[in-house]
Every structure is written in structure tokens, then in C-alpha cells.
Amino acid sequence: MELINVDRNKEGLENEVNGLDIELVPTIIVYDKGEEIGRIIESPMETLEEDLVEIVK
């Protein structure tokens, strides 16, 4: 797990958010072997747990 903090302008301390297409916070991005397989933006559709299970299925 990697946590990246951003400011109100959606910018991190360095360039770690470049290319992540962060528009709303929080945004949870799930990767598998370096490839994005899903994201939860701002709030889950159901619950955080249920949405994460659907992403990793």
C-alpha cells in the first residue's frame, strides 16, 4: 500500500501524482502487477469493502 498526500490543487510534494488523473479526493487506485484495475473516487458506491471486493474479482 502506498499513500500519497495532495494539497487543495491535487499536487503532491514531488511529481508522484503526475499521470494519475486525480480530480477528486480521496481517490483510491487499485493496481495489480503495476496495472490499474479500478478506482474509488471520493466515496464508495456501496461500502469501501464491497467496492474493493468488486475491483479485485
PDB file of N, CA and C in Angstrom:
ATOM      1  N   MET A   1       0.854  -1.171   0.000  1.00  0.00           N
ATOM      2  CA  MET A   1       0.000   0.000   0.000  1.00  0.00           C
ATOM      3  C   MET A   1       0.891   1.222   0.000  1.00  0.00           C
ATOM      4  N   GLU A   2       0.527   2.160  -0.826  1.00  0.00           N
ATOM      5  CA  GLU A   2       1.244   3.429  -0.890  1.00  0.00           C
ATOM      6  C   GLU A   2       0.227   4.543  -0.702  1.00  0.00           C
ATOM      7  N   LEU A   3       0.521   5.459   0.181  1.00  0.00           N
ATOM      8  CA  LEU A   3      -0.358   6.589   0.455  1.00  0.00           C
ATOM      9  C   LEU A   3       0.321   7.853  -0.045  1.00  0.00           C
ATOM     10  N   ILE A   4      -0.373   8.605  -0.895  1.00  0.00           N
ATOM     11  CA  ILE A   4       0.165   9.855  -1.429  1.00  0.00           C
ATOM     12  C   ILE A   4      -0.764  10.982  -0.990  1.00  0.00           C
ATOM     13  N   ASN A   5      -0.216  11.943  -0.291  1.00  0.00           N
ATOM     14  CA  ASN A   5      -0.992  13.102   0.148  1.00  0.00           C
ATOM     15  C   ASN A   5      -0.904  14.205  -0.888  1.00  0.00           C
ATOM     16  N   VAL A   6      -2.017  14.891  -1.100  1.00  0.00           N
ATOM     17  CA  VAL A   6      -2.051  16.012  -2.041  1.00  0.00           C
ATOM     18  C   VAL A   6      -2.644  17.235  -1.353  1.00  0.00           C
ATOM     19  N   ASP A   7      -2.338  18.395  -1.914  1.00  0.00           N
ATOM     20  CA  ASP A   7      -2.908  19.630  -1.378  1.00  0.00           C
ATOM     21  C   ASP A   7      -4.212  19.955  -2.104  1.00  0.00           C
ATOM     22  N   ARG A   8      -4.745  21.124  -1.878  1.00  0.00           N
ATOM     23  CA  ARG A   8      -6.020  21.510  -2.498  1.00  0.00           C
ATOM     24  C   ARG A   8      -5.936  21.578  -4.021  1.00  0.00           C
ATOM     25  N   ASN A   9      -4.730  21.731  -4.552  1.00  0.00           N
ATOM     26  CA  ASN A   9      -4.534  21.775  -6.005  1.00  0.00           C
ATOM     27  C   ASN A   9      -4.263  20.392  -6.589  1.00  0.00           C
ATOM     28  N   LYS A  10      -4.426  19.352  -5.760  1.00  0.00           N
ATOM     29  CA  LYS A  10      -4.178  17.959  -6.158  1.00  0.00           C
ATOM     30  C   LYS A  10      -2.723  17.742  -6.559  1.00  0.00           C
ATOM     31  N   GLU A  11      -1.800  18.424  -5.871  1.00  0.00           N
ATOM     32  CA  GLU A  11      -0.385  18.279  -6.121  1.00  0.00           C
ATOM     33  C   GLU A  11       0.292  17.692  -4.893  1.00  0.00           C
ATOM     34  N   GLY A  12       1.219  16.774  -5.133  1.00  0.00           N
ATOM     35  CA  GLY A  12       1.979  16.163  -4.053  1.00  0.00           C
ATOM     36  C   GLY A  12       3.239  16.964  -3.766  1.00  0.00           C
ATOM     37  N   LEU A  13       4.112  16.393  -2.927  1.00  0.00           N
ATOM     38  CA  LEU A  13       5.357  17.071  -2.599  1.00  0.00           C
ATOM     39  C   LEU A  13       6.312  17.083  -3.783  1.00  0.00           C
ATOM     40  N   GLU A  14       6.289  16.024  -4.560  1.00  0.00           N
ATOM     41  CA  GLU A  14       7.149  15.942  -5.737  1.00  0.00           C
ATOM     42  C   GLU A  14       6.264  15.679  -6.947  1.00  0.00           C
ATOM     43  N   ASN A  15       6.668  14.821  -7.851  1.00  0.00           N
ATOM     44  CA  ASN A  15       5.887  14.554  -9.053  1.00  0.00           C
ATOM     45  C   ASN A  15       5.133  13.229  -8.970  1.00  0.00           C
ATOM     46  N   GLU A  16       4.912  12.709  -7.764  1.00  0.00           N
ATOM     47  CA  GLU A  16       4.300  11.388  -7.603  1.00  0.00           C
ATOM     48  C   GLU A  16       2.849  11.292  -8.068  1.00  0.00           C
ATOM     49  N   VAL A  17       2.160  12.391  -8.287  1.00  0.00           N
ATOM     50  CA  VAL A  17       0.773  12.344  -8.765  1.00  0.00           C
ATOM     51  C   VAL A  17       0.650  12.599 -10.262  1.00  0.00           C
ATOM     52  N   ASN A  18       1.759  12.918 -10.914  1.00  0.00           N
ATOM     53  CA  ASN A  18       1.714  13.149 -12.360  1.00  0.00           C
ATOM     54  C   ASN A  18       1.210  11.898 -13.069  1.00  0.00           C
ATOM     55  N   GLY A  19       0.246  12.065 -13.945  1.00  0.00           N
ATOM     56  CA  GLY A  19      -0.275  10.950 -14.719  1.00  0.00           C
ATOM     57  C   GLY A  19      -1.321  10.113 -14.020  1.00  0.00           C
ATOM     58  N   LEU A  20      -1.663  10.431 -12.764  1.00  0.00           N
ATOM     59  CA  LEU A  20      -2.655   9.636 -12.034  1.00  0.00           C
ATOM     60  C   LEU A  20      -4.082  10.132 -12.256  1.00  0.00           C
ATOM     61  N   ASP A  21      -4.253  11.284 -12.881  1.00  0.00           N
ATOM     62  CA  ASP A  21      -5.573  11.843 -13.183  1.00  0.00           C
ATOM     63  C   ASP A  21      -6.438  11.970 -11.924  1.00  0.00           C
ATOM     64  N   ILE A  22      -5.893  12.620 -10.907  1.00  0.00           N
ATOM     65  CA  ILE A  22      -6.614  12.859  -9.655  1.00  0.00           C
ATOM     66  C   ILE A  22      -7.445  14.120  -9.814  1.00  0.00           C
ATOM     67  N   GLU A  23      -8.764  13.989  -9.725  1.00  0.00           N
ATOM     68  CA  GLU A  23      -9.656  15.143  -9.821  1.00  0.00           C
ATOM     69  C   GLU A  23     -10.359  15.413  -8.499  1.00  0.00           C
ATOM     70  N   LEU A  24     -10.742  14.360  -7.795  1.00  0.00           N
ATOM     71  CA  LEU A  24     -11.420  14.490  -6.510  1.00  0.00           C
ATOM     72  C   LEU A  24     -10.663  13.679  -5.468  1.00  0.00           C
ATOM     73  N   VAL A  25     -10.733  14.118  -4.218  1.00  0.00           N
ATOM     74  CA  VAL A  25     -10.094  13.369  -3.139  1.00  0.00           C
ATOM     75  C   VAL A  25     -11.129  13.014  -2.091  1.00  0.00           C
ATOM     76  N   PRO A  26     -11.009  11.873  -1.465  1.00  0.00           N
ATOM     77  CA  PRO A  26      -9.947  10.900  -1.709  1.00  0.00           C
ATOM     78  C   PRO A  26     -10.214  10.098  -2.975  1.00  0.00           C
ATOM     79  N   THR A  27      -9.136   9.653  -3.598  1.00  0.00           N
ATOM     80  CA  THR A  27      -9.192   8.710  -4.707  1.00  0.00           C
ATOM     81  C   THR A  27      -8.344   7.513  -4.328  1.00  0.00           C
ATOM     82  N   ILE A  28      -8.930   6.339  -4.378  1.00  0.00           N
ATOM     83  CA  ILE A  28      -8.216   5.097  -4.083  1.00  0.00           C
ATOM     84  C   ILE A  28      -8.025   4.378  -5.412  1.00  0.00           C
ATOM     85  N   ILE A  29      -6.760   4.148  -5.771  1.00  0.00           N
ATOM     86  CA  ILE A  29      -6.446   3.463  -7.022  1.00  0.00           C
ATOM     87  C   ILE A  29      -5.896   2.087  -6.680  1.00  0.00           C
ATOM     88  N   VAL A  30      -6.460   1.060  -7.299  1.00  0.00           N
ATOM     89  CA  VAL A  30      -6.034  -0.314  -7.050  1.00  0.00           C
ATOM     90  C   VAL A  30      -5.264  -0.809  -8.265  1.00  0.00           C
ATOM     91  N   TYR A  31      -4.057  -1.343  -8.010  1.00  0.00           N
ATOM     92  CA  TYR A  31      -3.194  -1.864  -9.061  1.00  0.00           C
ATOM     93  C   TYR A  31      -2.996  -3.364  -8.882  1.00  0.00           C
ATOM     94  N   ASP A  32      -2.795  -4.047  -9.987  1.00  0.00           N
ATOM     95  CA  ASP A  32      -2.386  -5.444  -9.984  1.00  0.00           C
ATOM     96  C   ASP A  32      -1.232  -5.570 -10.961  1.00  0.00           C
ATOM     97  N   LYS A  33      -0.078  -5.931 -10.433  1.00  0.00           N
ATOM     98  CA  LYS A  33       1.138  -6.074 -11.258  1.00  0.00           C
ATOM     99  C   LYS A  33       1.444  -4.797 -12.040  1.00  0.00           C
ATOM    100  N   GLY A  34       1.253  -3.658 -11.381  1.00  0.00           N
ATOM    101  CA  GLY A  34       1.579  -2.378 -11.990  1.00  0.00           C
ATOM    102  C   GLY A  34       0.528  -1.785 -12.901  1.00  0.00           C
ATOM    103  N   GLU A  35      -0.577  -2.502 -13.112  1.00  0.00           N
ATOM    104  CA  GLU A  35      -1.646  -2.020 -13.985  1.00  0.00           C
ATOM    105  C   GLU A  35      -2.861  -1.634 -13.151  1.00  0.00           C
ATOM    106  N   GLU A  36      -3.413  -0.462 -13.430  1.00  0.00           N
ATOM    107  CA  GLU A  36      -4.605  -0.028 -12.701  1.00  0.00           C
ATOM    108  C   GLU A  36      -5.786  -0.930 -13.062  1.00  0.00           C
ATOM    109  N   ILE A  37      -6.440  -1.478 -12.016  1.00  0.00           N
ATOM    110  CA  ILE A  37      -7.592  -2.341 -12.266  1.00  0.00           C
ATOM    111  C   ILE A  37      -8.893  -1.717 -11.768  1.00  0.00           C
ATOM    112  N   GLY A  38      -8.813  -0.593 -11.076  1.00  0.00           N
ATOM    113  CA  GLY A  38     -10.018   0.090 -10.624  1.00  0.00           C
ATOM    114  C   GLY A  38      -9.690   1.229  -9.686  1.00  0.00           C
ATOM    115  N   ARG A  39     -10.695   2.055  -9.455  1.00  0.00           N
ATOM    116  CA  ARG A  39     -10.517   3.150  -8.500  1.00  0.00           C
ATOM    117  C   ARG A  39     -11.836   3.497  -7.853  1.00  0.00           C
ATOM    118  N   ILE A  40     -11.729   3.990  -6.645  1.00  0.00           N
ATOM    119  CA  ILE A  40     -12.871   4.514  -5.899  1.00  0.00           C
ATOM    120  C   ILE A  40     -12.612   6.006  -5.756  1.00  0.00           C
ATOM    121  N   ILE A  41     -13.540   6.799  -6.268  1.00  0.00           N
ATOM    122  CA  ILE A  41     -13.352   8.245  -6.290  1.00  0.00           C
ATOM    123  C   ILE A  41     -14.329   8.897  -5.329  1.00  0.00           C
ATOM    124  N   GLU A  42     -13.782   9.612  -4.364  1.00  0.00           N
ATOM    125  CA  GLU A  42     -14.498  10.407  -3.366  1.00  0.00           C
ATOM    126  C   GLU A  42     -15.266   9.556  -2.361  1.00  0.00           C
ATOM    127  N   SER A  43     -16.192   8.724  -2.808  1.00  0.00           N
ATOM    128  CA  SER A  43     -16.913   7.859  -1.867  1.00  0.00           C
ATOM    129  C   SER A  43     -17.314   6.571  -2.588  1.00  0.00           C
ATOM    130  N   PRO A  44     -17.394   5.477  -1.858  1.00  0.00           N
ATOM    131  CA  PRO A  44     -17.755   4.198  -2.490  1.00  0.00           C
ATOM    132  C   PRO A  44     -19.200   4.200  -2.965  1.00  0.00           C
ATOM    133  N   MET A  45     -19.468   3.346  -3.957  1.00  0.00           N
ATOM    134  CA  MET A  45     -20.838   3.190  -4.449  1.00  0.00           C
ATOM    135  C   MET A  45     -21.686   2.463  -3.402  1.00  0.00           C
ATOM    136  N   GLU A  46     -21.136   1.393  -2.834  1.00  0.00           N
ATOM    137  CA  GLU A  46     -21.812   0.636  -1.768  1.00  0.00           C
ATOM    138  C   GLU A  46     -21.083   0.920  -0.462  1.00  0.00           C
ATOM    139  N   THR A  47     -20.159   0.049  -0.098  1.00  0.00           N
ATOM    140  CA  THR A  47     -19.262   0.296   1.032  1.00  0.00           C
ATOM    141  C   THR A  47     -17.841   0.150   0.507  1.00  0.00           C
ATOM    142  N   LEU A  48     -16.882   0.650   1.233  1.00  0.00           N
ATOM    143  CA  LEU A  48     -15.499   0.545   0.805  1.00  0.00           C
ATOM    144  C   LEU A  48     -15.112  -0.920   0.604  1.00  0.00           C
ATOM    145  N   GLU A  49     -15.501  -1.765   1.558  1.00  0.00           N
ATOM    146  CA  GLU A  49     -15.167  -3.188   1.465  1.00  0.00           C
ATOM    147  C   GLU A  49     -15.809  -3.843   0.248  1.00  0.00           C
ATOM    148  N   GLU A  50     -17.088  -3.580   0.014  1.00  0.00           N
ATOM    149  CA  GLU A  50     -17.786  -4.190  -1.120  1.00  0.00           C
ATOM    150  C   GLU A  50     -17.208  -3.712  -2.449  1.00  0.00           C
ATOM    151  N   ASP A  51     -16.912  -2.432  -2.534  1.00  0.00           N
ATOM    152  CA  ASP A  51     -16.350  -1.905  -3.770  1.00  0.00           C
ATOM    153  C   ASP A  51     -14.965  -2.477  -4.045  1.00  0.00           C
ATOM    154  N   LEU A  52     -14.126  -2.607  -3.009  1.00  0.00           N
ATOM    155  CA  LEU A  52     -12.807  -3.192  -3.197  1.00  0.00           C
ATOM    156  C   LEU A  52     -12.894  -4.648  -3.632  1.00  0.00           C
ATOM    157  N   VAL A  53     -13.837  -5.395  -3.079  1.00  0.00           N
ATOM    158  CA  VAL A  53     -14.028  -6.798  -3.497  1.00  0.00           C
ATOM    159  C   VAL A  53     -14.404  -6.846  -4.969  1.00  0.00           C
ATOM    160  N   GLU A  54     -15.287  -5.980  -5.422  1.00  0.00           N
ATOM    161  CA  GLU A  54     -15.684  -5.961  -6.817  1.00  0.00           C
ATOM    162  C   GLU A  54     -14.506  -5.632  -7.739  1.00  0.00           C
ATOM    163  N   ILE A  55     -13.640  -4.751  -7.296  1.00  0.00           N
ATOM    164  CA  ILE A  55     -12.466  -4.377  -8.101  1.00  0.00           C
ATOM    165  C   ILE A  55     -11.520  -5.564  -8.253  1.00  0.00           C
ATOM    166  N   VAL A  56     -11.273  -6.281  -7.175  1.00  0.00           N
ATOM    167  CA  VAL A  56     -10.264  -7.339  -7.220  1.00  0.00           C
ATOM    168  C   VAL A  56     -10.801  -8.668  -7.735  1.00  0.00           C
ATOM    169  N   LYS A  57     -12.090  -8.774  -8.001  1.00  0.00           N
ATOM    170  CA  LYS A  57     -12.663 -10.028  -8.536  1.00  0.00           C
ATOM    171  C   LYS A  57     -12.101 -10.354  -9.887  1.00  0.00           C
TER     172      LYS A  57
END
